[in-house]
Amino acid sequence: MPSSDRSDHGTADRTRPAFTVPGQPGGRQPNFVVREARLPIGDDYVIELDPGGRVFVVDGKLLSVRASLTIKDIDGVEAFHIQGTLLGVNNVLTVSRHGAKIATVRKQPPEAGHEQYVVELPGSEYVEVLGSPAQRAYKLAFHDYVVASIVHTWMPIGSGFRVHIMPGQDDGVVLAVVICLDVMSRHEREADH
């Protein structure tokens, strides 16, 4: 049900590119807090606007090496679906919205160079992942412009991180990509132990 006074995070026009670099920096910078569920079964998260309330809930299901996550808005409507494989260097998660693929997050093989992860967008474009998703300390850059910064944050209960998104971006897509990177890097850490 449409609502003119409700926040529109994650429900951007389908014709809008997944990552949009604004003409000039400025305006309010959206900040989000991503919290892992207290007793996670699979990969569950709550995404909140900071300051503000809950924006998305992520329900994750892991079956062996397959992953399936659903990102729902506050009304319980699916906003994004993430599906893929978590198998060592073949880690690949695909983000779709309304059945259309909008991003693919892929772990690079060691011989590919210094970038551990790459985010592929339609139209042969990509987003650089600069830093360490495993440490929750990294940035996303599109066309040499930093579109989001992710930092680990202390929380009284559970674990989580903050996501600072530059104005003019598709916040929902950025958050879906960040969830992919967190799931992939967490499973990578668990595989190393």
C-alpha atoms as a PDB file:
ATOM      1  CA  MET A   1       0.000   0.000   0.000  1.00  0.00           C
ATOM      2  CA  PRO A   2       1.622   3.292  -1.043  1.00  0.00           C
ATOM      3  CA  SER A   3       2.258   5.874   1.607  1.00  0.00           C
ATOM      4  CA  SER A   4       3.446   9.387   0.928  1.00  0.00           C
ATOM      5  CA  ASP A   5       4.852   9.961   4.417  1.00  0.00           C
ATOM      6  CA  ARG A   6       6.811   6.719   4.740  1.00  0.00           C
ATOM      7  CA  SER A   7      10.579   6.502   4.150  1.00  0.00           C
ATOM      8  CA  ASP A   8      11.390   5.260   0.664  1.00  0.00           C
ATOM      9  CA  HIS A   9      14.734   3.554   1.432  1.00  0.00           C
ATOM     10  CA  GLY A  10      15.169   0.516  -0.773  1.00  0.00           C
ATOM     11  CA  THR A  11      12.117   1.133  -2.942  1.00  0.00           C
ATOM     12  CA  ALA A  12      13.773   3.268  -5.597  1.00  0.00           C
ATOM     13  CA  ASP A  13      12.526   3.493  -9.171  1.00  0.00           C
ATOM     14  CA  ARG A  14      13.518   0.394 -11.163  1.00  0.00           C
ATOM     15  CA  THR A  15      14.917   2.584 -13.950  1.00  0.00           C
ATOM     16  CA  ARG A  16      17.445   4.177 -11.597  1.00  0.00           C
ATOM     17  CA  PRO A  17      20.977   2.723 -11.827  1.00  0.00           C
ATOM     18  CA  ALA A  18      22.031   0.562  -8.889  1.00  0.00           C
ATOM     19  CA  PHE A  19      24.765   2.981  -7.840  1.00  0.00           C
ATOM     20  CA  THR A  20      24.373   6.641  -8.735  1.00  0.00           C
ATOM     21  CA  VAL A  21      27.180   9.122  -8.250  1.00  0.00           C
ATOM     22  CA  PRO A  22      25.719  12.510  -7.317  1.00  0.00           C
ATOM     23  CA  GLY A  23      26.695  15.583  -9.329  1.00  0.00           C
ATOM     24  CA  GLN A  24      28.200  17.199  -6.264  1.00  0.00           C
ATOM     25  CA  PRO A  25      28.670  16.073  -2.667  1.00  0.00           C
ATOM     26  CA  GLY A  26      26.252  17.592  -0.212  1.00  0.00           C
ATOM     27  CA  GLY A  27      22.961  17.026   1.478  1.00  0.00           C
ATOM     28  CA  ARG A  28      22.204  14.638   4.287  1.00  0.00           C
ATOM     29  CA  GLN A  29      24.333  11.513   4.474  1.00  0.00           C
ATOM     30  CA  PRO A  30      22.145   8.517   5.393  1.00  0.00           C
ATOM     31  CA  ASN A  31      23.555   6.406   8.217  1.00  0.00           C
ATOM     32  CA  PHE A  32      22.427   2.890   9.009  1.00  0.00           C
ATOM     33  CA  VAL A  33      23.153   0.416  11.793  1.00  0.00           C
ATOM     34  CA  VAL A  34      23.241  -3.255  10.807  1.00  0.00           C
ATOM     35  CA  ARG A  35      22.776  -5.641  13.730  1.00  0.00           C
ATOM     36  CA  GLU A  36      23.166  -9.389  13.629  1.00  0.00           C
ATOM     37  CA  ALA A  37      20.265 -11.264  15.185  1.00  0.00           C
ATOM     38  CA  ARG A  38      20.874 -12.209  18.829  1.00  0.00           C
ATOM     39  CA  LEU A  39      20.428 -15.927  18.186  1.00  0.00           C
ATOM     40  CA  PRO A  40      21.101 -16.242  14.470  1.00  0.00           C
ATOM     41  CA  ILE A  41      19.855 -19.246  12.584  1.00  0.00           C
ATOM     42  CA  GLY A  42      21.490 -18.815   9.221  1.00  0.00           C
ATOM     43  CA  ASP A  43      22.297 -15.188   8.500  1.00  0.00           C
ATOM     44  CA  ASP A  44      19.773 -12.840  10.106  1.00  0.00           C
ATOM     45  CA  TYR A  45      20.183  -9.065  10.396  1.00  0.00           C
ATOM     46  CA  VAL A  46      18.152  -6.024  11.340  1.00  0.00           C
ATOM     47  CA  ILE A  47      18.911  -2.787   9.468  1.00  0.00           C
ATOM     48  CA  GLU A  48      17.985   0.486  11.181  1.00  0.00           C
ATOM     49  CA  LEU A  49      18.184   4.085  10.071  1.00  0.00           C
ATOM     50  CA  ASP A  50      20.466   5.937  12.489  1.00  0.00           C
ATOM     51  CA  PRO A  51      18.855   7.854  14.074  1.00  0.00           C
ATOM     52  CA  GLY A  52      15.532   6.285  13.415  1.00  0.00           C
ATOM     53  CA  GLY A  53      13.857   2.946  13.381  1.00  0.00           C
ATOM     54  CA  ARG A  54      13.952  -0.354  11.602  1.00  0.00           C
ATOM     55  CA  VAL A  55      14.101  -0.180   7.806  1.00  0.00           C
ATOM     56  CA  PHE A  56      14.808  -3.770   6.723  1.00  0.00           C
ATOM     57  CA  VAL A  57      14.935  -7.264   8.183  1.00  0.00           C
ATOM     58  CA  VAL A  58      17.202  -9.870   6.579  1.00  0.00           C
ATOM     59  CA  ASP A  59      16.135 -13.497   6.818  1.00  0.00           C
ATOM     60  CA  GLY A  60      18.891 -15.886   5.805  1.00  0.00           C
ATOM     61  CA  LYS A  61      18.832 -19.585   5.120  1.00  0.00           C
ATOM     62  CA  LEU A  62      21.945 -21.616   4.513  1.00  0.00           C
ATOM     63  CA  LEU A  63      21.764 -25.101   3.025  1.00  0.00           C
ATOM     64  CA  SER A  64      25.243 -26.640   2.868  1.00  0.00           C
ATOM     65  CA  VAL A  65      27.093 -24.357   0.429  1.00  0.00           C
ATOM     66  CA  ARG A  66      23.984 -22.630  -0.945  1.00  0.00           C
ATOM     67  CA  ALA A  67      22.787 -19.331   0.490  1.00  0.00           C
ATOM     68  CA  SER A  68      19.415 -17.647   0.211  1.00  0.00           C
ATOM     69  CA  LEU A  69      18.591 -14.375   1.959  1.00  0.00           C
ATOM     70  CA  THR A  70      15.474 -12.256   1.759  1.00  0.00           C
ATOM     71  CA  ILE A  71      15.568  -8.568   2.646  1.00  0.00           C
ATOM     72  CA  LYS A  72      12.106  -7.371   3.685  1.00  0.00           C
ATOM     73  CA  ASP A  73      10.902  -3.855   4.367  1.00  0.00           C
ATOM     74  CA  ILE A  74       9.135  -2.872   7.590  1.00  0.00           C
ATOM     75  CA  ASP A  75       5.814  -4.081   6.169  1.00  0.00           C
ATOM     76  CA  GLY A  76       7.229  -7.563   5.526  1.00  0.00           C
ATOM     77  CA  VAL A  77       7.331  -7.099   1.743  1.00  0.00           C
ATOM     78  CA  GLU A  78      10.351  -8.539  -0.062  1.00  0.00           C
ATOM     79  CA  ALA A  79      12.600  -5.696  -1.251  1.00  0.00           C
ATOM     80  CA  PHE A  80      15.617  -7.773  -2.365  1.00  0.00           C
ATOM     81  CA  HIS A  81      16.527 -11.421  -2.750  1.00  0.00           C
ATOM     82  CA  ILE A  82      20.095 -12.697  -2.455  1.00  0.00           C
ATOM     83  CA  GLN A  83      21.066 -16.139  -3.673  1.00  0.00           C
ATOM     84  CA  GLY A  84      24.297 -17.914  -4.440  1.00  0.00           C
ATOM     85  CA  THR A  85      27.078 -20.258  -3.471  1.00  0.00           C
ATOM     86  CA  LEU A  86      29.507 -20.000  -0.565  1.00  0.00           C
ATOM     87  CA  LEU A  87      32.280 -22.383  -1.541  1.00  0.00           C
ATOM     88  CA  GLY A  88      35.801 -21.034  -1.005  1.00  0.00           C
ATOM     89  CA  VAL A  89      37.020 -19.087  -4.014  1.00  0.00           C
ATOM     90  CA  ASN A  90      33.726 -19.774  -5.782  1.00  0.00           C
ATOM     91  CA  ASN A  91      31.795 -17.483  -3.413  1.00  0.00           C
ATOM     92  CA  VAL A  92      29.182 -15.717  -5.531  1.00  0.00           C
ATOM     93  CA  LEU A  93      26.018 -13.980  -4.315  1.00  0.00           C
ATOM     94  CA  THR A  94      23.523 -12.365  -6.672  1.00  0.00           C
ATOM     95  CA  VAL A  95      21.172  -9.562  -5.601  1.00  0.00           C
ATOM     96  CA  SER A  96      17.823  -9.255  -7.364  1.00  0.00           C
ATOM     97  CA  ARG A  97      14.935  -6.811  -7.018  1.00  0.00           C
ATOM     98  CA  HIS A  98      11.481  -7.678  -8.390  1.00  0.00           C
ATOM     99  CA  GLY A  99      13.043 -10.667 -10.196  1.00  0.00           C
ATOM    100  CA  ALA A 100      15.723  -8.612 -11.999  1.00  0.00           C
ATOM    101  CA  LYS A 101      19.417  -9.126 -11.215  1.00  0.00           C
ATOM    102  CA  ILE A 102      20.962  -5.836 -10.073  1.00  0.00           C
ATOM    103  CA  ALA A 103      24.349  -6.849  -8.615  1.00  0.00           C
ATOM    104  CA  THR A 104      26.675  -9.829  -8.302  1.00  0.00           C
ATOM    105  CA  VAL A 105      29.183  -9.982  -5.451  1.00  0.00           C
ATOM    106  CA  ARG A 106      32.094 -12.287  -6.182  1.00  0.00           C
ATOM    107  CA  LYS A 107      35.163 -13.390  -4.263  1.00  0.00           C
ATOM    108  CA  GLN A 108      38.205 -13.066  -6.460  1.00  0.00           C
ATOM    109  CA  PRO A 109      40.746 -15.887  -6.763  1.00  0.00           C
ATOM    110  CA  PRO A 110      44.098 -15.041  -5.112  1.00  0.00           C
ATOM    111  CA  GLU A 111      45.847 -14.676  -8.492  1.00  0.00           C
ATOM    112  CA  ALA A 112      43.374 -11.954  -9.567  1.00  0.00           C
ATOM    113  CA  GLY A 113      45.305  -9.269  -7.710  1.00  0.00           C
ATOM    114  CA  HIS A 114      44.929  -7.260  -4.522  1.00  0.00           C
ATOM    115  CA  GLU A 115      41.140  -6.863  -4.605  1.00  0.00           C
ATOM    116  CA  GLN A 116      39.569  -9.712  -2.660  1.00  0.00           C
ATOM    117  CA  TYR A 117      35.954  -8.983  -3.677  1.00  0.00           C
ATOM    118  CA  VAL A 118      34.326  -7.364  -6.668  1.00  0.00           C
ATOM    119  CA  VAL A 119      30.758  -6.123  -7.146  1.00  0.00           C
ATOM    120  CA  GLU A 120      29.549  -6.440 -10.725  1.00  0.00           C
ATOM    121  CA  LEU A 121      26.668  -4.300 -11.958  1.00  0.00           C
ATOM    122  CA  PRO A 122      24.624  -4.558 -15.167  1.00  0.00           C
ATOM    123  CA  GLY A 123      26.213  -2.892 -18.168  1.00  0.00           C
ATOM    124  CA  SER A 124      29.731  -4.201 -17.419  1.00  0.00           C
ATOM    125  CA  GLU A 125      30.223  -1.749 -14.561  1.00  0.00           C
ATOM    126  CA  TYR A 126      31.680  -2.607 -11.199  1.00  0.00           C
ATOM    127  CA  VAL A 127      32.078  -1.310  -7.670  1.00  0.00           C
ATOM    128  CA  GLU A 128      35.438  -1.519  -5.947  1.00  0.00           C
ATOM    129  CA  VAL A 129      35.647  -2.935  -2.422  1.00  0.00           C
ATOM    130  CA  LEU A 130      38.489  -1.047  -0.685  1.00  0.00           C
ATOM    131  CA  GLY A 131      39.534  -2.435   2.695  1.00  0.00           C
ATOM    132  CA  SER A 132      38.511  -5.490   4.684  1.00  0.00           C
ATOM    133  CA  PRO A 133      34.922  -6.762   4.779  1.00  0.00           C
ATOM    134  CA  ALA A 134      36.089  -9.450   7.236  1.00  0.00           C
ATOM    135  CA  GLN A 135      37.090  -6.668   9.672  1.00  0.00           C
ATOM    136  CA  ARG A 136      34.020  -4.596   8.768  1.00  0.00           C
ATOM    137  CA  ALA A 137      36.303  -1.735   7.799  1.00  0.00           C
ATOM    138  CA  TYR A 138      36.000  -0.908   4.110  1.00  0.00           C
ATOM    139  CA  LYS A 139      34.577   1.419   1.472  1.00  0.00           C
ATOM    140  CA  LEU A 140      32.621   0.950  -1.718  1.00  0.00           C
ATOM    141  CA  ALA A 141      33.790   3.065  -4.664  1.00  0.00           C
ATOM    142  CA  PHE A 142      31.969   3.577  -7.964  1.00  0.00           C
ATOM    143  CA  HIS A 143      33.674   5.516 -10.766  1.00  0.00           C
ATOM    144  CA  ASP A 144      36.444   6.519  -8.286  1.00  0.00           C
ATOM    145  CA  TYR A 145      33.844   8.061  -5.969  1.00  0.00           C
ATOM    146  CA  VAL A 146      33.329   6.617  -2.487  1.00  0.00           C
ATOM    147  CA  VAL A 147      29.615   5.828  -2.223  1.00  0.00           C
ATOM    148  CA  ALA A 148      29.646   4.103   1.189  1.00  0.00           C
ATOM    149  CA  SER A 149      31.861   3.565   4.222  1.00  0.00           C
ATOM    150  CA  ILE A 150      31.424   0.592   6.542  1.00  0.00           C
ATOM    151  CA  VAL A 151      32.855   0.596  10.077  1.00  0.00           C
ATOM    152  CA  HIS A 152      32.658  -1.952  12.875  1.00  0.00           C
ATOM    153  CA  THR A 153      30.843  -0.632  15.912  1.00  0.00           C
ATOM    154  CA  TRP A 154      30.552  -1.778  19.479  1.00  0.00           C
ATOM    155  CA  MET A 155      27.067  -2.810  20.524  1.00  0.00           C
ATOM    156  CA  PRO A 156      25.865  -3.679  24.032  1.00  0.00           C
ATOM    157  CA  ILE A 157      24.264  -6.906  22.803  1.00  0.00           C
ATOM    158  CA  GLY A 158      25.298  -8.798  19.713  1.00  0.00           C
ATOM    159  CA  SER A 159      27.511  -7.681  16.881  1.00  0.00           C
ATOM    160  CA  GLY A 160      27.094  -5.133  14.139  1.00  0.00           C
ATOM    161  CA  PHE A 161      28.428  -2.292  12.056  1.00  0.00           C
ATOM    162  CA  ARG A 162      27.527   1.129  10.688  1.00  0.00           C
ATOM    163  CA  VAL A 163      27.030   1.988   7.041  1.00  0.00           C
ATOM    164  CA  HIS A 164      27.440   5.611   5.944  1.00  0.00           C
ATOM    165  CA  ILE A 165      26.002   6.147   2.455  1.00  0.00           C
ATOM    166  CA  MET A 166      26.719   9.236   0.408  1.00  0.00           C
ATOM    167  CA  PRO A 167      23.722  11.275  -0.814  1.00  0.00           C
ATOM    168  CA  GLY A 168      22.140  10.323  -4.110  1.00  0.00           C
ATOM    169  CA  GLN A 169      22.728   6.571  -3.886  1.00  0.00           C
ATOM    170  CA  ASP A 170      20.193   3.756  -3.998  1.00  0.00           C
ATOM    171  CA  ASP A 171      20.430   2.997  -0.259  1.00  0.00           C
ATOM    172  CA  GLY A 172      18.678  -0.367  -0.511  1.00  0.00           C
ATOM    173  CA  VAL A 173      21.059  -1.690  -3.168  1.00  0.00           C
ATOM    174  CA  VAL A 174      24.101  -0.473  -1.223  1.00  0.00           C
ATOM    175  CA  LEU A 175      22.801  -2.194   1.927  1.00  0.00           C
ATOM    176  CA  ALA A 176      22.080  -5.438   0.032  1.00  0.00           C
ATOM    177  CA  VAL A 177      25.664  -5.458  -1.317  1.00  0.00           C
ATOM    178  CA  VAL A 178      27.021  -4.796   2.195  1.00  0.00           C
ATOM    179  CA  ILE A 179      24.992  -7.747   3.547  1.00  0.00           C
ATOM    180  CA  CYS A 180      26.471  -9.959   0.797  1.00  0.00           C
ATOM    181  CA  LEU A 181      29.998  -8.903   1.716  1.00  0.00           C
ATOM    182  CA  ASP A 182      29.360  -9.499   5.412  1.00  0.00           C
ATOM    183  CA  VAL A 183      27.940 -12.986   4.829  1.00  0.00           C
ATOM    184  CA  MET A 184      30.773 -13.916   2.467  1.00  0.00           C
ATOM    185  CA  SER A 185      33.538 -12.629   4.725  1.00  0.00           C
ATOM    186  CA  ARG A 186      32.027 -14.232   7.841  1.00  0.00           C
ATOM    187  CA  HIS A 187      31.867 -17.625   6.177  1.00  0.00           C
ATOM    188  CA  GLU A 188      35.403 -17.119   4.944  1.00  0.00           C
ATOM    189  CA  ARG A 189      36.535 -16.502   8.570  1.00  0.00           C
ATOM    190  CA  GLU A 190      34.688 -19.626   9.757  1.00  0.00           C
ATOM    191  CA  ALA A 191      36.334 -21.699   7.015  1.00  0.00           C
ATOM    192  CA  ASP A 192      39.772 -20.514   8.153  1.00  0.00           C
ATOM    193  CA  HIS A 193      39.193 -21.730  11.729  1.00  0.00           C
END
